[in-house]
Each structure stands twice: as C-alpha cells, then as structure tokens.
C-alpha cells in the first residue's frame, strides 16, 4: 500500500478545510448558549415582564392623571415629555431588563419599533376582537437569548384629548405637542384603538 508523501498531506488541508474543522471543534467543545429554557425559567421571565410592564403603565397613568387634574391636557403633554423616558429607564434598571413603549405611529422618535415589534403591531392592528399579550423566546439584535414580551396599549377615553383627531384637539394642546414632539404621528385615534405596546426583553443567557 502506498503511503501519501508529506506534500500530498499538506495540500489536502486547504485553508477552507482547516477553517471548517476548527469551527466544528469549537462547536463540539462549547456549551449551547441558546438552549431552550426550562418551563420554570420561562414562567419566571414572563412574570418579570408582566410585573415591569404593569409598573410602567401604572406609573405613567398616575402621573398623567395627576397632571390632567392640575393643568389639563397641556400639562399632561409637558409631564409626559419630561418623565416618560426617564421612568421607563428607571423601571427597566430596577427589574434588570429592557423595557420600552413602541408604536407604529409614534409621538416620540425613541418609541419607534424594531422590525419584530413592527410586525407584531401590524398584525395586532388588523386583529378583530381582544388583543392578547404575547411572549416568545428569541435571539435579540445583540445576539442574546431573551424572553420577548409585548403588552398592547389601547387608547383610553381621556387620552383623546392629546391623541384624538387633530381638529378635535384644543389649539394650546396641539401647540404643546408640536413644540415637544416635532415629528409627532400619534393623533387621529379613537377610544379603544390600538395605540402601541410595551415591549420587554428579559435576559435568559447565563453569565
């Protein structure tokens, strides 16, 4: 039997083949960071997301209700523009997760949805009947395994003062909206309309 000489063996191991072999070796030796979480882990993540979303909603509703009592819709616009993003960040930090409000027709540019959030909001906007919160384990834009949770926000009766048809919004309120949100797209809604959602990502990867 003929034994391959050394040059023949060297030529067999092309750079592409060596790269493939190295990738297979690393995959075999590395744990799967994105293995499906246990039912308990997923349940705990959903509970965290629901709690954070609930706290954010109650915090903002309380602040806006107080502003409406004290100074009407104009003051509500002022308060929303000054605290909404701050309170959202604070609640996310306290729970150790990512949380934001998103909308197809955003008032604040920071609330524009990513591709996944946009797809869900589009689907919800064509849904007849009640819209349910949803959760799914995904790999986020940073490549990390997370539990993604979205809770719909429906427009309340009092919210039309700032989010209703423009012709029905008081001139001083409309002026305040345009001053604080020059790219506003969040008017023209009716009570019960889908206004947007609270989007939460709970990390699942282990350090």
N, C-alpha and C. Protein backbone atom coordinates (compact mmCIF):
# COMPACT_ATOMS: atom_id res chain seq x y z
N UNK A 1 0.85 -1.19 0.00
CA UNK A 1 0.00 0.00 0.00
C UNK A 1 0.88 1.24 0.00
N UNK A 2 0.55 2.20 -0.88
CA UNK A 2 1.33 3.42 -0.98
C UNK A 2 0.95 4.39 0.13
N UNK A 3 1.95 4.96 0.76
CA UNK A 3 1.74 5.95 1.81
C UNK A 3 1.86 7.35 1.23
N UNK A 4 0.84 8.25 1.43
CA UNK A 4 0.92 9.60 0.86
C UNK A 4 2.14 10.32 1.40
N UNK A 5 2.85 11.00 0.52
CA UNK A 5 4.01 11.75 0.98
C UNK A 5 3.56 13.04 1.67
N UNK A 6 4.49 13.71 2.34
CA UNK A 6 4.17 14.89 3.14
C UNK A 6 3.56 16.02 2.33
N UNK A 7 4.07 16.37 1.13
CA UNK A 7 3.44 17.44 0.34
C UNK A 7 1.99 17.15 0.01
N UNK A 8 1.68 15.85 -0.26
CA UNK A 8 0.30 15.50 -0.58
C UNK A 8 -0.61 15.75 0.61
N UNK A 9 -0.16 15.37 1.83
CA UNK A 9 -0.96 15.59 3.03
C UNK A 9 -1.19 17.08 3.28
N UNK A 10 -0.13 17.87 3.06
CA UNK A 10 -0.27 19.31 3.27
C UNK A 10 -1.29 19.93 2.32
N UNK A 11 -1.28 19.49 1.07
CA UNK A 11 -2.19 20.06 0.10
C UNK A 11 -3.64 19.69 0.39
N UNK A 12 -3.82 18.56 1.09
CA UNK A 12 -5.19 18.12 1.39
C UNK A 12 -5.86 19.06 2.38
N UNK A 13 -5.06 19.67 3.28
CA UNK A 13 -5.61 20.55 4.31
C UNK A 13 -5.57 21.99 3.80
N UNK A 14 -6.55 22.34 2.99
CA UNK A 14 -6.65 23.69 2.45
C UNK A 14 -7.11 24.64 3.56
N UNK A 15 -6.89 25.93 3.40
CA UNK A 15 -7.36 26.88 4.42
C UNK A 15 -8.85 26.75 4.71
N UNK A 16 -9.65 26.51 3.68
CA UNK A 16 -11.09 26.38 3.88
C UNK A 16 -11.41 25.16 4.73
N UNK A 17 -10.72 24.05 4.46
CA UNK A 17 -10.97 22.83 5.22
C UNK A 17 -10.54 23.01 6.66
N UNK A 18 -9.41 23.65 6.88
CA UNK A 18 -8.94 23.89 8.24
C UNK A 18 -9.91 24.77 9.01
N UNK A 19 -10.48 25.77 8.35
CA UNK A 19 -11.45 26.65 8.99
C UNK A 19 -12.69 25.87 9.40
N UNK A 20 -13.16 24.98 8.52
CA UNK A 20 -14.33 24.16 8.82
C UNK A 20 -14.06 23.24 10.00
N UNK A 21 -12.89 22.59 10.00
CA UNK A 21 -12.55 21.68 11.10
C UNK A 21 -12.48 22.43 12.42
N UNK A 22 -11.92 23.65 12.41
CA UNK A 22 -11.83 24.45 13.63
C UNK A 22 -13.21 24.84 14.14
N UNK A 23 -14.10 25.20 13.23
CA UNK A 23 -15.46 25.58 13.63
C UNK A 23 -16.19 24.40 14.26
N UNK A 24 -16.03 23.21 13.66
CA UNK A 24 -16.68 22.01 14.20
C UNK A 24 -16.13 21.68 15.58
N UNK A 25 -14.81 21.85 15.76
CA UNK A 25 -14.19 21.56 17.05
C UNK A 25 -14.70 22.52 18.12
N UNK A 26 -14.81 23.81 17.79
CA UNK A 26 -15.30 24.79 18.75
C UNK A 26 -16.75 24.53 19.11
N UNK A 27 -17.54 24.15 18.12
CA UNK A 27 -18.96 23.87 18.38
C UNK A 27 -19.12 22.68 19.30
N UNK A 28 -18.24 21.69 19.12
CA UNK A 28 -18.33 20.48 19.94
C UNK A 28 -17.91 20.75 21.37
N UNK A 29 -16.98 21.70 21.56
CA UNK A 29 -16.44 21.95 22.89
C UNK A 29 -17.19 23.04 23.64
N UNK A 30 -18.01 23.84 22.94
CA UNK A 30 -18.68 24.97 23.57
C UNK A 30 -20.10 24.61 23.96
N UNK A 31 -20.57 25.06 25.13
CA UNK A 31 -21.97 24.82 25.51
C UNK A 31 -22.90 25.63 24.64
N UNK A 32 -24.15 25.16 24.47
CA UNK A 32 -25.15 25.88 23.68
C UNK A 32 -25.73 27.00 24.50
N UNK A 33 -25.33 28.27 24.18
CA UNK A 33 -25.81 29.42 24.95
C UNK A 33 -27.30 29.65 24.75
N UNK A 34 -27.84 29.17 23.64
CA UNK A 34 -29.23 29.47 23.34
C UNK A 34 -30.12 28.22 23.44
N UNK A 35 -29.74 27.28 24.31
CA UNK A 35 -30.59 26.12 24.53
C UNK A 35 -31.94 26.58 25.07
N UNK A 36 -33.00 25.85 24.73
CA UNK A 36 -34.34 26.22 25.16
C UNK A 36 -34.41 26.27 26.68
N UNK A 37 -34.96 27.36 27.24
CA UNK A 37 -35.04 27.47 28.70
C UNK A 37 -36.06 26.48 29.25
N UNK A 38 -35.92 26.16 30.51
CA UNK A 38 -36.89 25.28 31.16
C UNK A 38 -38.22 26.00 31.29
N UNK A 39 -39.27 25.23 31.52
CA UNK A 39 -40.60 25.81 31.70
C UNK A 39 -40.61 26.77 32.88
N UNK A 40 -39.88 26.44 33.94
CA UNK A 40 -39.82 27.31 35.12
C UNK A 40 -39.12 28.62 34.80
N UNK A 41 -38.00 28.54 34.06
CA UNK A 41 -37.27 29.75 33.69
C UNK A 41 -38.13 30.67 32.83
N UNK A 42 -38.84 30.07 31.88
CA UNK A 42 -39.70 30.86 31.01
C UNK A 42 -40.83 31.50 31.81
N UNK A 43 -41.42 30.73 32.71
CA UNK A 43 -42.52 31.25 33.53
C UNK A 43 -42.06 32.41 34.40
N UNK A 44 -40.87 32.28 34.97
CA UNK A 44 -40.32 33.35 35.80
C UNK A 44 -40.07 34.61 34.96
N UNK A 45 -39.56 34.41 33.74
CA UNK A 45 -39.27 35.55 32.86
C UNK A 45 -40.56 36.28 32.48
N UNK A 46 -41.61 35.52 32.18
CA UNK A 46 -42.89 36.12 31.84
C UNK A 46 -43.43 36.93 33.02
N UNK A 47 -43.29 36.37 34.22
CA UNK A 47 -43.77 37.06 35.43
C UNK A 47 -43.01 38.38 35.62
N UNK A 48 -41.69 38.37 35.37
CA UNK A 48 -40.91 39.60 35.48
C UNK A 48 -41.38 40.64 34.46
N UNK A 49 -41.59 40.18 33.23
CA UNK A 49 -42.02 41.09 32.17
C UNK A 49 -43.38 41.69 32.48
N UNK A 50 -44.31 40.88 32.94
CA UNK A 50 -45.64 41.36 33.27
C UNK A 50 -45.59 42.37 34.41
N UNK A 51 -44.76 42.08 35.41
CA UNK A 51 -44.65 42.99 36.55
C UNK A 51 -44.06 44.33 36.13
N UNK A 52 -43.03 44.28 35.30
CA UNK A 52 -42.40 45.53 34.85
C UNK A 52 -43.35 46.33 33.98
N UNK A 53 -44.04 45.67 33.06
CA UNK A 53 -44.99 46.36 32.19
C UNK A 53 -46.12 46.97 33.02
N UNK A 54 -46.60 46.23 34.01
CA UNK A 54 -47.67 46.74 34.86
C UNK A 54 -47.22 47.95 35.66
N UNK A 55 -45.99 47.90 36.18
CA UNK A 55 -45.49 49.04 36.96
C UNK A 55 -45.30 50.26 36.08
N UNK A 56 -44.81 50.06 34.85
CA UNK A 56 -44.64 51.20 33.95
C UNK A 56 -45.97 51.84 33.62
N UNK A 57 -46.97 51.02 33.30
CA UNK A 57 -48.29 51.55 32.96
C UNK A 57 -48.88 52.32 34.14
N UNK A 58 -48.83 51.74 35.32
CA UNK A 58 -49.44 52.39 36.49
C UNK A 58 -48.71 53.68 36.84
N UNK A 59 -47.38 53.70 36.68
CA UNK A 59 -46.59 54.89 36.98
C UNK A 59 -46.95 56.04 36.04
N UNK A 60 -47.01 55.73 34.75
CA UNK A 60 -47.29 56.79 33.77
C UNK A 60 -48.75 57.24 33.85
N UNK A 61 -49.67 56.32 34.01
CA UNK A 61 -51.08 56.68 34.11
C UNK A 61 -51.32 57.57 35.32
N UNK A 62 -50.68 57.22 36.44
CA UNK A 62 -50.84 58.01 37.66
C UNK A 62 -50.31 59.42 37.47
N UNK A 63 -49.12 59.53 36.85
CA UNK A 63 -48.53 60.86 36.64
C UNK A 63 -49.36 61.70 35.68
N UNK A 64 -49.86 61.08 34.62
CA UNK A 64 -50.65 61.84 33.64
C UNK A 64 -52.02 62.21 34.20
N UNK A 65 -52.61 61.33 35.00
CA UNK A 65 -53.91 61.64 35.61
C UNK A 65 -53.78 62.83 36.55
N UNK A 66 -52.69 62.87 37.32
CA UNK A 66 -52.46 63.99 38.23
C UNK A 66 -52.24 65.28 37.44
N UNK A 67 -51.50 65.19 36.34
CA UNK A 67 -51.26 66.37 35.51
C UNK A 67 -52.55 66.88 34.90
N UNK A 68 -53.42 65.97 34.48
CA UNK A 68 -54.71 66.36 33.90
C UNK A 68 -55.56 67.10 34.93
N UNK A 69 -55.52 66.64 36.18
CA UNK A 69 -56.30 67.29 37.23
C UNK A 69 -55.77 68.69 37.53
N UNK A 70 -54.46 68.82 37.51
CA UNK A 70 -53.84 70.08 37.90
C UNK A 70 -53.82 71.12 36.79
N UNK A 71 -53.60 70.69 35.54
CA UNK A 71 -53.45 71.68 34.47
C UNK A 71 -54.03 71.28 33.14
N UNK A 72 -54.80 70.18 33.10
CA UNK A 72 -55.44 69.76 31.86
C UNK A 72 -54.47 69.09 30.89
N UNK A 73 -54.92 68.88 29.66
CA UNK A 73 -54.12 68.16 28.67
C UNK A 73 -52.77 68.80 28.36
N UNK A 74 -52.72 70.14 28.39
CA UNK A 74 -51.45 70.81 28.09
C UNK A 74 -50.37 70.41 29.09
N UNK A 75 -50.74 70.39 30.36
CA UNK A 75 -49.77 69.99 31.39
C UNK A 75 -49.45 68.51 31.26
N UNK A 76 -50.42 67.70 30.85
CA UNK A 76 -50.15 66.28 30.65
C UNK A 76 -49.09 66.07 29.57
N UNK A 77 -49.15 66.86 28.50
CA UNK A 77 -48.13 66.79 27.45
C UNK A 77 -46.77 67.15 28.02
N UNK A 78 -46.72 68.22 28.83
CA UNK A 78 -45.47 68.65 29.44
C UNK A 78 -44.88 67.55 30.32
N UNK A 79 -45.74 66.96 31.16
CA UNK A 79 -45.27 65.92 32.08
C UNK A 79 -44.80 64.69 31.31
N UNK A 80 -45.56 64.28 30.32
CA UNK A 80 -45.20 63.09 29.55
C UNK A 80 -43.85 63.28 28.88
N UNK A 81 -43.63 64.45 28.31
CA UNK A 81 -42.38 64.70 27.60
C UNK A 81 -41.18 64.72 28.54
N UNK A 82 -41.43 65.05 29.82
CA UNK A 82 -40.31 65.19 30.76
C UNK A 82 -40.01 63.93 31.56
N UNK A 83 -41.01 63.04 31.75
CA UNK A 83 -40.76 61.89 32.63
C UNK A 83 -40.91 60.53 31.97
N UNK A 84 -41.58 60.43 30.83
CA UNK A 84 -41.91 59.10 30.28
C UNK A 84 -40.67 58.26 30.02
N UNK A 85 -39.69 58.82 29.31
CA UNK A 85 -38.49 58.05 29.01
C UNK A 85 -37.68 57.76 30.27
N UNK A 86 -37.61 58.74 31.16
CA UNK A 86 -36.86 58.55 32.40
C UNK A 86 -37.44 57.43 33.25
N UNK A 87 -38.77 57.45 33.44
CA UNK A 87 -39.41 56.42 34.25
C UNK A 87 -39.27 55.05 33.60
N UNK A 88 -39.32 55.00 32.28
CA UNK A 88 -39.16 53.73 31.58
C UNK A 88 -37.77 53.15 31.84
N UNK A 89 -36.75 53.98 31.76
CA UNK A 89 -35.38 53.52 32.01
C UNK A 89 -35.20 53.08 33.46
N UNK A 90 -35.78 53.83 34.39
CA UNK A 90 -35.65 53.50 35.81
C UNK A 90 -36.29 52.15 36.13
N UNK A 91 -37.46 51.91 35.57
CA UNK A 91 -38.14 50.65 35.84
C UNK A 91 -37.38 49.49 35.20
N UNK A 92 -36.87 49.68 34.00
CA UNK A 92 -36.07 48.64 33.37
C UNK A 92 -34.86 48.30 34.20
N UNK A 93 -34.18 49.32 34.73
CA UNK A 93 -32.99 49.10 35.55
C UNK A 93 -33.35 48.38 36.85
N UNK A 94 -34.48 48.74 37.45
CA UNK A 94 -34.86 48.12 38.73
C UNK A 94 -35.19 46.64 38.57
N UNK A 95 -35.69 46.25 37.39
CA UNK A 95 -36.01 44.85 37.13
C UNK A 95 -34.86 44.11 36.44
N UNK A 96 -33.86 44.84 35.98
CA UNK A 96 -32.75 44.20 35.29
C UNK A 96 -33.11 43.68 33.91
N UNK A 97 -33.92 44.45 33.18
CA UNK A 97 -34.35 44.04 31.85
C UNK A 97 -34.50 45.26 30.96
N UNK A 98 -34.79 45.01 29.69
CA UNK A 98 -35.01 46.10 28.73
C UNK A 98 -36.51 46.29 28.55
N UNK A 99 -36.97 47.53 28.68
CA UNK A 99 -38.39 47.81 28.52
C UNK A 99 -38.55 49.14 27.79
N UNK A 100 -39.52 49.19 26.90
CA UNK A 100 -39.77 50.43 26.16
C UNK A 100 -41.21 50.43 25.68
N UNK A 101 -41.72 51.61 25.36
CA UNK A 101 -43.02 51.74 24.71
C UNK A 101 -42.77 51.91 23.22
N UNK A 102 -43.57 51.23 22.40
CA UNK A 102 -43.38 51.31 20.95
C UNK A 102 -44.74 51.54 20.29
N UNK A 103 -44.70 52.14 19.09
CA UNK A 103 -45.94 52.41 18.36
C UNK A 103 -45.63 52.56 16.88
N UNK A 104 -46.57 52.13 16.05
CA UNK A 104 -46.43 52.33 14.61
C UNK A 104 -46.49 53.82 14.29
N UNK A 105 -47.35 54.54 14.99
CA UNK A 105 -47.46 55.99 14.83
C UNK A 105 -46.97 56.63 16.12
N UNK A 106 -45.64 56.76 16.20
CA UNK A 106 -45.00 57.19 17.43
C UNK A 106 -45.11 58.70 17.62
N UNK A 107 -45.19 59.10 18.86
CA UNK A 107 -45.12 60.53 19.21
C UNK A 107 -43.65 60.92 19.41
N UNK A 108 -42.93 60.09 20.12
CA UNK A 108 -41.51 60.32 20.36
C UNK A 108 -40.71 59.39 19.44
N UNK A 109 -39.71 59.91 18.76
CA UNK A 109 -38.90 59.10 17.85
C UNK A 109 -38.24 57.92 18.56
N UNK A 110 -38.01 58.04 19.87
CA UNK A 110 -37.40 56.95 20.63
C UNK A 110 -38.33 55.75 20.75
N UNK A 111 -39.60 55.95 20.45
CA UNK A 111 -40.59 54.87 20.59
C UNK A 111 -40.89 54.16 19.28
N UNK A 112 -40.07 54.37 18.27
CA UNK A 112 -40.28 53.66 17.01
C UNK A 112 -39.92 52.19 17.19
N UNK A 113 -40.70 51.27 16.65
CA UNK A 113 -40.45 49.84 16.87
C UNK A 113 -39.32 49.30 16.00
N UNK A 114 -38.70 48.22 16.47
CA UNK A 114 -37.77 47.50 15.61
C UNK A 114 -38.57 46.59 14.67
N UNK A 115 -37.90 45.81 13.86
CA UNK A 115 -38.59 45.01 12.85
C UNK A 115 -39.57 44.04 13.47
N UNK A 116 -39.15 43.33 14.51
CA UNK A 116 -40.03 42.34 15.14
C UNK A 116 -41.24 43.03 15.78
N UNK A 117 -40.99 44.10 16.52
CA UNK A 117 -42.09 44.82 17.17
C UNK A 117 -43.06 45.37 16.13
N UNK A 118 -42.52 45.86 15.03
CA UNK A 118 -43.38 46.40 13.97
C UNK A 118 -44.27 45.32 13.38
N UNK A 119 -43.72 44.13 13.16
CA UNK A 119 -44.52 43.03 12.62
C UNK A 119 -45.66 42.66 13.55
N UNK A 120 -45.38 42.63 14.85
CA UNK A 120 -46.42 42.29 15.83
C UNK A 120 -47.50 43.37 15.88
N UNK A 121 -47.06 44.63 15.89
CA UNK A 121 -48.03 45.73 15.92
C UNK A 121 -48.89 45.74 14.66
N UNK A 122 -48.29 45.47 13.52
CA UNK A 122 -49.05 45.41 12.27
C UNK A 122 -50.09 44.30 12.34
N UNK A 123 -49.71 43.15 12.84
CA UNK A 123 -50.65 42.03 12.98
C UNK A 123 -51.78 42.40 13.93
N UNK A 124 -51.43 43.01 15.05
CA UNK A 124 -52.45 43.40 16.02
C UNK A 124 -53.41 44.44 15.44
N UNK A 125 -52.88 45.33 14.61
CA UNK A 125 -53.73 46.41 14.06
C UNK A 125 -54.81 45.86 13.14
N UNK A 126 -54.65 44.63 12.67
CA UNK A 126 -55.65 44.01 11.80
C UNK A 126 -56.41 42.90 12.52
N UNK A 127 -56.25 42.85 13.83
CA UNK A 127 -56.92 41.82 14.62
C UNK A 127 -58.31 42.30 15.04
N UNK A 128 -59.30 41.47 14.83
CA UNK A 128 -60.65 41.78 15.30
C UNK A 128 -60.86 41.12 16.65
N UNK A 129 -61.45 41.86 17.57
CA UNK A 129 -61.66 41.32 18.90
C UNK A 129 -60.51 41.66 19.83
N UNK A 130 -60.51 41.07 21.03
CA UNK A 130 -59.48 41.39 22.04
C UNK A 130 -58.07 41.04 21.54
N UNK A 131 -57.11 41.87 21.93
CA UNK A 131 -55.71 41.62 21.61
C UNK A 131 -55.01 41.15 22.88
N UNK A 132 -54.39 39.99 22.79
CA UNK A 132 -53.73 39.40 23.95
C UNK A 132 -52.24 39.70 23.95
N UNK A 133 -51.68 39.82 25.15
CA UNK A 133 -50.23 39.94 25.28
C UNK A 133 -49.59 38.66 24.74
N UNK A 134 -48.35 38.77 24.31
CA UNK A 134 -47.66 37.59 23.80
C UNK A 134 -46.24 37.54 24.33
N UNK A 135 -45.67 36.33 24.34
CA UNK A 135 -44.29 36.15 24.77
C UNK A 135 -43.66 35.03 23.96
N UNK A 136 -42.37 35.19 23.68
CA UNK A 136 -41.65 34.19 22.89
C UNK A 136 -40.16 34.30 23.18
N UNK A 137 -39.49 33.15 23.23
CA UNK A 137 -38.05 33.13 23.40
C UNK A 137 -37.41 33.39 22.04
N UNK A 138 -36.55 34.41 21.98
CA UNK A 138 -35.91 34.79 20.72
C UNK A 138 -34.43 35.10 20.97
N UNK A 139 -33.71 35.30 19.88
CA UNK A 139 -32.36 35.87 19.95
C UNK A 139 -32.49 37.32 19.54
N UNK A 140 -32.12 38.24 20.44
CA UNK A 140 -32.33 39.65 20.15
C UNK A 140 -31.28 40.21 19.20
N UNK A 141 -31.34 41.51 18.95
CA UNK A 141 -30.44 42.14 17.98
C UNK A 141 -28.98 42.10 18.42
N UNK A 142 -28.75 41.88 19.72
CA UNK A 142 -27.38 41.79 20.22
C UNK A 142 -26.88 40.33 20.24
N UNK A 143 -27.71 39.40 19.78
CA UNK A 143 -27.31 38.00 19.74
C UNK A 143 -27.52 37.25 21.03
N UNK A 144 -28.31 37.80 21.94
CA UNK A 144 -28.55 37.16 23.24
C UNK A 144 -29.94 36.53 23.29
N UNK A 145 -30.03 35.42 24.01
CA UNK A 145 -31.32 34.76 24.20
C UNK A 145 -32.14 35.53 25.22
N UNK A 146 -33.36 35.90 24.84
CA UNK A 146 -34.24 36.67 25.73
C UNK A 146 -35.66 36.17 25.61
N UNK A 147 -36.42 36.45 26.64
CA UNK A 147 -37.87 36.26 26.58
C UNK A 147 -38.45 37.60 26.13
N UNK A 148 -39.03 37.65 24.93
CA UNK A 148 -39.63 38.89 24.44
C UNK A 148 -41.12 38.88 24.75
N UNK A 149 -41.56 39.93 25.43
CA UNK A 149 -42.96 40.06 25.86
C UNK A 149 -43.50 41.38 25.34
N UNK A 150 -44.71 41.34 24.80
CA UNK A 150 -45.36 42.57 24.35
C UNK A 150 -46.78 42.65 24.91
N UNK A 151 -47.09 43.80 25.49
CA UNK A 151 -48.42 44.05 26.05
C UNK A 151 -49.06 45.20 25.29
N UNK A 152 -50.24 44.98 24.71
CA UNK A 152 -50.86 46.05 23.92
C UNK A 152 -51.30 47.22 24.79
N UNK A 153 -51.25 48.42 24.22
CA UNK A 153 -51.77 49.63 24.86
C UNK A 153 -52.96 50.11 24.04
N UNK A 154 -54.12 50.13 24.65
CA UNK A 154 -55.33 50.60 23.98
C UNK A 154 -55.65 52.01 24.47
N UNK A 155 -56.13 52.85 23.58
CA UNK A 155 -56.38 54.25 23.92
C UNK A 155 -57.57 54.36 24.86
N UNK A 156 -57.34 55.04 25.99
CA UNK A 156 -58.41 55.27 26.95
C UNK A 156 -59.26 56.48 26.57
N UNK A 157 -60.40 56.62 27.21
CA UNK A 157 -61.32 57.72 26.90
C UNK A 157 -60.66 59.09 27.10
N UNK A 158 -59.88 59.23 28.17
CA UNK A 158 -59.27 60.53 28.46
C UNK A 158 -58.10 60.86 27.54
N UNK A 159 -57.61 59.85 26.85
CA UNK A 159 -56.40 60.05 26.03
C UNK A 159 -56.68 60.78 24.72
N UNK A 160 -57.96 60.85 24.33
CA UNK A 160 -58.27 61.51 23.06
C UNK A 160 -57.98 63.02 23.12
N UNK A 161 -57.86 63.56 24.33
CA UNK A 161 -57.55 64.98 24.46
C UNK A 161 -56.18 65.30 23.84
N UNK A 162 -55.29 64.31 23.80
CA UNK A 162 -53.96 64.51 23.23
C UNK A 162 -53.69 63.62 22.00
N UNK A 163 -54.53 62.59 21.82
CA UNK A 163 -54.28 61.63 20.74
C UNK A 163 -55.45 61.49 19.76
N UNK A 164 -56.52 62.28 19.98
CA UNK A 164 -57.68 62.18 19.09
C UNK A 164 -57.42 62.87 17.76
N UNK A 165 -58.45 63.00 16.93
CA UNK A 165 -58.31 63.72 15.65
C UNK A 165 -57.83 65.15 15.89
N UNK A 166 -56.92 65.63 15.06
CA UNK A 166 -56.32 66.95 15.28
C UNK A 166 -57.36 68.05 15.36
N UNK A 167 -58.42 67.94 14.55
CA UNK A 167 -59.43 69.01 14.56
C UNK A 167 -60.21 69.06 15.88
N UNK A 168 -60.08 68.00 16.69
CA UNK A 168 -60.78 67.97 17.98
C UNK A 168 -59.85 68.27 19.15
N UNK A 169 -58.57 68.43 18.89
CA UNK A 169 -57.62 68.75 19.95
C UNK A 169 -57.55 70.26 20.14
N UNK A 170 -57.58 70.71 21.38
CA UNK A 170 -57.54 72.15 21.67
C UNK A 170 -56.26 72.76 21.10
N UNK A 171 -56.35 73.99 20.57
CA UNK A 171 -55.17 74.62 19.94
C UNK A 171 -53.94 74.69 20.84
N UNK A 172 -54.14 75.01 22.13
CA UNK A 172 -52.98 75.10 23.02
C UNK A 172 -52.34 73.74 23.26
N UNK A 173 -53.16 72.70 23.27
CA UNK A 173 -52.64 71.33 23.43
C UNK A 173 -51.88 70.91 22.18
N UNK A 174 -52.45 71.21 21.02
CA UNK A 174 -51.79 70.87 19.76
C UNK A 174 -50.46 71.62 19.64
N UNK A 175 -50.42 72.86 20.10
CA UNK A 175 -49.19 73.64 20.06
C UNK A 175 -48.12 73.02 20.97
N UNK A 176 -48.55 72.55 22.15
CA UNK A 176 -47.61 71.92 23.08
C UNK A 176 -47.06 70.62 22.50
N UNK A 177 -47.93 69.86 21.84
CA UNK A 177 -47.49 68.60 21.22
C UNK A 177 -46.44 68.88 20.16
N UNK A 178 -46.71 69.86 19.32
CA UNK A 178 -45.78 70.17 18.23
C UNK A 178 -44.47 70.75 18.75
N UNK A 179 -44.53 71.45 19.88
CA UNK A 179 -43.31 72.02 20.46
C UNK A 179 -42.40 70.94 21.02
N UNK A 180 -43.00 69.94 21.68
CA UNK A 180 -42.21 68.89 22.33
C UNK A 180 -41.93 67.70 21.40
N UNK A 181 -42.80 67.49 20.43
CA UNK A 181 -42.66 66.34 19.54
C UNK A 181 -42.82 66.78 18.08
N UNK A 182 -41.79 67.36 17.50
CA UNK A 182 -41.90 67.90 16.14
C UNK A 182 -42.21 66.85 15.08
N UNK A 183 -41.93 65.57 15.36
CA UNK A 183 -42.20 64.51 14.40
C UNK A 183 -43.41 63.67 14.80
N UNK A 184 -44.29 64.25 15.60
CA UNK A 184 -45.45 63.51 16.11
C UNK A 184 -46.31 62.91 15.01
N UNK A 185 -46.70 61.64 15.22
CA UNK A 185 -47.62 60.96 14.32
C UNK A 185 -48.77 60.32 15.10
N UNK A 186 -48.90 60.70 16.37
CA UNK A 186 -49.80 59.98 17.27
C UNK A 186 -51.12 60.68 17.52
N UNK A 187 -51.73 61.21 16.47
CA UNK A 187 -53.08 61.76 16.59
C UNK A 187 -54.00 60.99 15.63
N UNK A 188 -55.30 61.26 15.77
CA UNK A 188 -56.26 60.60 14.89
C UNK A 188 -56.83 59.32 15.46
N UNK A 189 -56.62 59.07 16.75
CA UNK A 189 -57.10 57.84 17.38
C UNK A 189 -58.48 58.05 18.02
N UNK A 190 -59.16 56.92 18.22
CA UNK A 190 -60.43 56.90 18.92
C UNK A 190 -60.30 55.97 20.13
N UNK A 191 -61.13 56.17 21.18
CA UNK A 191 -61.07 55.28 22.35
C UNK A 191 -61.17 53.82 21.94
N UNK A 192 -60.31 53.01 22.52
CA UNK A 192 -60.29 51.58 22.21
C UNK A 192 -59.34 51.19 21.10
N UNK A 193 -58.82 52.19 20.34
CA UNK A 193 -57.86 51.88 19.28
C UNK A 193 -56.56 51.36 19.86
N UNK A 194 -55.85 50.56 19.07
CA UNK A 194 -54.52 50.13 19.45
C UNK A 194 -53.57 51.32 19.35
N UNK A 195 -53.06 51.77 20.48
CA UNK A 195 -52.15 52.92 20.49
C UNK A 195 -50.70 52.48 20.30
N UNK A 196 -50.35 51.32 20.83
CA UNK A 196 -48.98 50.82 20.74
C UNK A 196 -48.82 49.63 21.67
N UNK A 197 -47.63 49.49 22.25
CA UNK A 197 -47.38 48.36 23.13
C UNK A 197 -46.22 48.66 24.06
N UNK A 198 -46.18 47.91 25.15
CA UNK A 198 -44.99 47.88 26.00
C UNK A 198 -44.21 46.64 25.58
N UNK A 199 -42.97 46.85 25.22
CA UNK A 199 -42.10 45.76 24.74
C UNK A 199 -41.01 45.51 25.78
N UNK A 200 -40.89 44.25 26.20
CA UNK A 200 -39.96 43.90 27.27
C UNK A 200 -39.07 42.75 26.81
N UNK A 201 -37.79 42.83 27.13
CA UNK A 201 -36.87 41.73 26.89
C UNK A 201 -36.24 41.33 28.22
N UNK A 202 -36.48 40.07 28.62
CA UNK A 202 -35.90 39.54 29.86
C UNK A 202 -34.73 38.64 29.48
N UNK A 203 -33.51 38.93 29.94
CA UNK A 203 -32.36 38.09 29.56
C UNK A 203 -32.49 36.67 30.08
N UNK A 204 -32.10 35.71 29.25
CA UNK A 204 -32.14 34.30 29.63
C UNK A 204 -30.76 33.68 29.64
N UNK A 205 -29.80 34.28 28.94
CA UNK A 205 -28.44 33.73 28.91
C UNK A 205 -27.84 33.75 30.30
N UNK A 206 -27.14 32.70 30.63
CA UNK A 206 -26.44 32.65 31.89
C UNK A 206 -25.07 33.31 31.75
N UNK A 207 -24.63 34.07 32.74
CA UNK A 207 -23.31 34.70 32.65
C UNK A 207 -22.19 33.67 32.63
